[in-house]
C-alpha atoms as a PDB file:
ATOM      1  CA  UNK A   1      21.531  -2.867  20.089  1.00  0.00           C
ATOM      2  CA  UNK A   2      20.160  -4.841  22.992  1.00  0.00           C
ATOM      3  CA  UNK A   3      18.520  -8.228  23.360  1.00  0.00           C
ATOM      4  CA  UNK A   4      15.055  -8.188  25.034  1.00  0.00           C
ATOM      5  CA  UNK A   5      12.146 -10.519  24.563  1.00  0.00           C
ATOM      6  CA  UNK A   6      10.008  -8.501  26.914  1.00  0.00           C
ATOM      7  CA  UNK A   7      10.605  -4.933  25.588  1.00  0.00           C
ATOM      8  CA  UNK A   8      10.461  -5.493  21.891  1.00  0.00           C
ATOM      9  CA  UNK A   9       8.694  -3.808  19.057  1.00  0.00           C
ATOM     10  CA  UNK A  10       5.163  -5.227  19.098  1.00  0.00           C
ATOM     11  CA  UNK A  11       4.694  -4.601  15.368  1.00  0.00           C
ATOM     12  CA  UNK A  12       7.265  -7.321  14.509  1.00  0.00           C
ATOM     13  CA  UNK A  13       6.313  -9.798  17.268  1.00  0.00           C
ATOM     14  CA  UNK A  14       4.358 -12.135  15.035  1.00  0.00           C
ATOM     15  CA  UNK A  15       7.042 -12.083  12.330  1.00  0.00           C
ATOM     16  CA  UNK A  16       9.558 -13.320  14.881  1.00  0.00           C
ATOM     17  CA  UNK A  17       7.185 -15.921  16.188  1.00  0.00           C
ATOM     18  CA  UNK A  18       6.434 -17.253  12.665  1.00  0.00           C
ATOM     19  CA  UNK A  19      10.151 -17.315  11.884  1.00  0.00           C
ATOM     20  CA  UNK A  20      10.876 -19.231  15.047  1.00  0.00           C
ATOM     21  CA  UNK A  21       8.109 -21.751  14.288  1.00  0.00           C
ATOM     22  CA  UNK A  22       9.479 -22.208  10.758  1.00  0.00           C
ATOM     23  CA  UNK A  23      12.903 -22.955  12.215  1.00  0.00           C
ATOM     24  CA  UNK A  24      11.655 -25.404  14.765  1.00  0.00           C
ATOM     25  CA  UNK A  25       9.365 -27.275  12.312  1.00  0.00           C
ATOM     26  CA  UNK A  26      12.087 -27.637   9.709  1.00  0.00           C
ATOM     27  CA  UNK A  27      14.565 -28.877  12.324  1.00  0.00           C
ATOM     28  CA  UNK A  28      12.068 -31.407  13.706  1.00  0.00           C
ATOM     29  CA  UNK A  29      11.107 -32.710  10.265  1.00  0.00           C
ATOM     30  CA  UNK A  30      14.774 -32.945   9.197  1.00  0.00           C
ATOM     31  CA  UNK A  31      15.751 -34.734  12.408  1.00  0.00           C
ATOM     32  CA  UNK A  32      12.878 -37.232  12.047  1.00  0.00           C
ATOM     33  CA  UNK A  33      13.764 -37.913   8.390  1.00  0.00           C
ATOM     34  CA  UNK A  34      17.388 -38.489   9.259  1.00  0.00           C
ATOM     35  CA  UNK A  35      16.538 -40.605  12.280  1.00  0.00           C
ATOM     36  CA  UNK A  36      13.888 -42.916  10.767  1.00  0.00           C
ATOM     37  CA  UNK A  37      14.974 -42.952   7.042  1.00  0.00           C
ATOM     38  CA  UNK A  38      11.564 -43.815   5.622  1.00  0.00           C
ATOM     39  CA  UNK A  39      11.391 -45.485   2.261  1.00  0.00           C
ATOM     40  CA  UNK A  40       8.239 -46.026   0.187  1.00  0.00           C
ATOM     41  CA  UNK A  41       7.328 -46.350  -3.448  1.00  0.00           C
ATOM     42  CA  UNK A  42      10.186 -44.665  -5.372  1.00  0.00           C
ATOM     43  CA  UNK A  43      11.663 -42.824  -2.364  1.00  0.00           C
ATOM     44  CA  UNK A  44      14.797 -44.585  -1.126  1.00  0.00           C
ATOM     45  CA  UNK A  45      16.339 -44.315   2.340  1.00  0.00           C
ATOM     46  CA  UNK A  46      19.231 -42.303   0.951  1.00  0.00           C
ATOM     47  CA  UNK A  47      16.933 -39.790  -0.661  1.00  0.00           C
ATOM     48  CA  UNK A  48      14.814 -39.331   2.456  1.00  0.00           C
ATOM     49  CA  UNK A  49      17.993 -38.849   4.502  1.00  0.00           C
ATOM     50  CA  UNK A  50      19.186 -36.201   1.988  1.00  0.00           C
ATOM     51  CA  UNK A  51      15.874 -34.364   2.250  1.00  0.00           C
ATOM     52  CA  UNK A  52      16.161 -34.461   6.026  1.00  0.00           C
ATOM     53  CA  UNK A  53      19.612 -33.012   5.806  1.00  0.00           C
ATOM     54  CA  UNK A  54      18.353 -30.191   3.629  1.00  0.00           C
ATOM     55  CA  UNK A  55      15.537 -29.481   6.087  1.00  0.00           C
ATOM     56  CA  UNK A  56      18.117 -29.228   8.843  1.00  0.00           C
ATOM     57  CA  UNK A  57      20.290 -26.918   6.798  1.00  0.00           C
ATOM     58  CA  UNK A  58      17.237 -24.770   5.996  1.00  0.00           C
ATOM     59  CA  UNK A  59      16.453 -24.467   9.673  1.00  0.00           C
ATOM     60  CA  UNK A  60      20.016 -23.646  10.676  1.00  0.00           C
ATOM     61  CA  UNK A  61      20.249 -21.061   7.893  1.00  0.00           C
ATOM     62  CA  UNK A  62      17.515 -18.918   9.429  1.00  0.00           C
ATOM     63  CA  UNK A  63      18.857 -18.897  12.997  1.00  0.00           C
ATOM     64  CA  UNK A  64      21.179 -15.882  12.452  1.00  0.00           C
ATOM     65  CA  UNK A  65      18.315 -14.002  10.873  1.00  0.00           C
ATOM     66  CA  UNK A  66      16.095 -14.604  13.873  1.00  0.00           C
ATOM     67  CA  UNK A  67      18.867 -13.472  16.245  1.00  0.00           C
ATOM     68  CA  UNK A  68      19.393 -10.358  14.210  1.00  0.00           C
ATOM     69  CA  UNK A  69      15.667  -9.569  14.312  1.00  0.00           C
ATOM     70  CA  UNK A  70      15.581 -10.101  18.056  1.00  0.00           C
ATOM     71  CA  UNK A  71      18.651  -7.851  18.592  1.00  0.00           C
ATOM     72  CA  UNK A  72      17.384  -4.987  16.475  1.00  0.00           C
ATOM     73  CA  UNK A  73      13.694  -4.895  17.399  1.00  0.00           C
ATOM     74  CA  UNK A  74      13.702  -1.984  19.811  1.00  0.00           C
ATOM     75  CA  UNK A  75      11.746   1.193  18.922  1.00  0.00           C
ATOM     76  CA  UNK A  76      13.766   4.339  18.548  1.00  0.00           C
END
Protein backbone atom coordinates (compact mmCIF):
# COMPACT_ATOMS: atom_id res chain seq x y z
CA UNK A 1 0.00 0.00 0.00
CA UNK A 2 1.66 3.19 -1.17
CA UNK A 3 0.46 6.76 -1.57
CA UNK A 4 0.91 8.26 -5.01
CA UNK A 5 -1.12 10.90 -6.78
CA UNK A 6 0.92 10.55 -9.98
CA UNK A 7 1.00 6.76 -10.43
CA UNK A 8 -2.56 5.86 -9.56
CA UNK A 9 -5.18 3.74 -11.22
CA UNK A 10 -6.69 5.93 -13.94
CA UNK A 11 -10.04 4.12 -13.83
CA UNK A 12 -10.79 5.52 -10.36
CA UNK A 13 -9.34 8.99 -10.92
CA UNK A 14 -12.67 10.75 -11.42
CA UNK A 15 -14.23 8.93 -8.45
CA UNK A 16 -11.51 10.37 -6.22
CA UNK A 17 -11.84 13.84 -7.75
CA UNK A 18 -15.61 13.88 -7.24
CA UNK A 19 -15.23 12.66 -3.66
CA UNK A 20 -12.66 15.38 -2.97
CA UNK A 21 -14.96 18.03 -4.46
CA UNK A 22 -17.85 16.77 -2.33
CA UNK A 23 -15.71 17.06 0.78
CA UNK A 24 -14.50 20.57 -0.06
CA UNK A 25 -17.96 21.87 -0.97
CA UNK A 26 -19.57 20.50 2.17
CA UNK A 27 -16.79 21.93 4.38
CA UNK A 28 -17.07 25.35 2.71
CA UNK A 29 -20.88 25.45 2.95
CA UNK A 30 -20.75 24.32 6.58
CA UNK A 31 -18.11 26.88 7.50
CA UNK A 32 -20.05 29.68 5.83
CA UNK A 33 -23.28 28.71 7.57
CA UNK A 34 -21.53 28.58 10.94
CA UNK A 35 -19.70 31.85 10.32
CA UNK A 36 -22.57 34.00 9.00
CA UNK A 37 -25.56 32.33 10.75
CA UNK A 38 -28.20 33.47 8.23
CA UNK A 39 -31.80 33.72 9.33
CA UNK A 40 -34.78 34.20 7.05
CA UNK A 41 -38.46 33.39 7.06
CA UNK A 42 -38.82 30.41 9.47
CA UNK A 43 -35.10 29.51 9.56
CA UNK A 44 -33.51 30.74 12.79
CA UNK A 45 -29.83 31.42 13.41
CA UNK A 46 -29.55 28.37 15.63
CA UNK A 47 -31.02 26.10 12.96
CA UNK A 48 -28.70 27.41 10.23
CA UNK A 49 -25.72 26.93 12.58
CA UNK A 50 -26.85 23.35 13.23
CA UNK A 51 -27.14 22.66 9.50
CA UNK A 52 -23.66 24.15 9.04
CA UNK A 53 -22.30 21.84 11.72
CA UNK A 54 -23.93 18.86 10.01
CA UNK A 55 -22.31 19.85 6.69
CA UNK A 56 -18.91 20.03 8.40
CA UNK A 57 -19.42 16.62 10.02
CA UNK A 58 -20.51 15.23 6.63
CA UNK A 59 -17.30 16.53 5.04
CA UNK A 60 -15.05 15.23 7.81
CA UNK A 61 -16.75 11.84 7.70
CA UNK A 62 -15.60 11.21 4.10
CA UNK A 63 -11.94 12.22 4.57
CA UNK A 64 -10.82 8.75 5.78
CA UNK A 65 -12.59 7.18 2.80
CA UNK A 66 -10.74 9.46 0.39
CA UNK A 67 -7.42 8.68 2.07
CA UNK A 68 -8.14 4.96 1.86
CA UNK A 69 -8.98 5.24 -1.87
CA UNK A 70 -5.77 7.15 -2.52
CA UNK A 71 -3.69 4.60 -0.60
CA UNK A 72 -5.17 1.55 -2.36
CA UNK A 73 -5.46 2.77 -5.94
CA UNK A 74 -2.41 1.06 -7.44
CA UNK A 75 -2.89 -1.52 -10.17
CA UNK A 76 -1.66 -5.00 -9.36
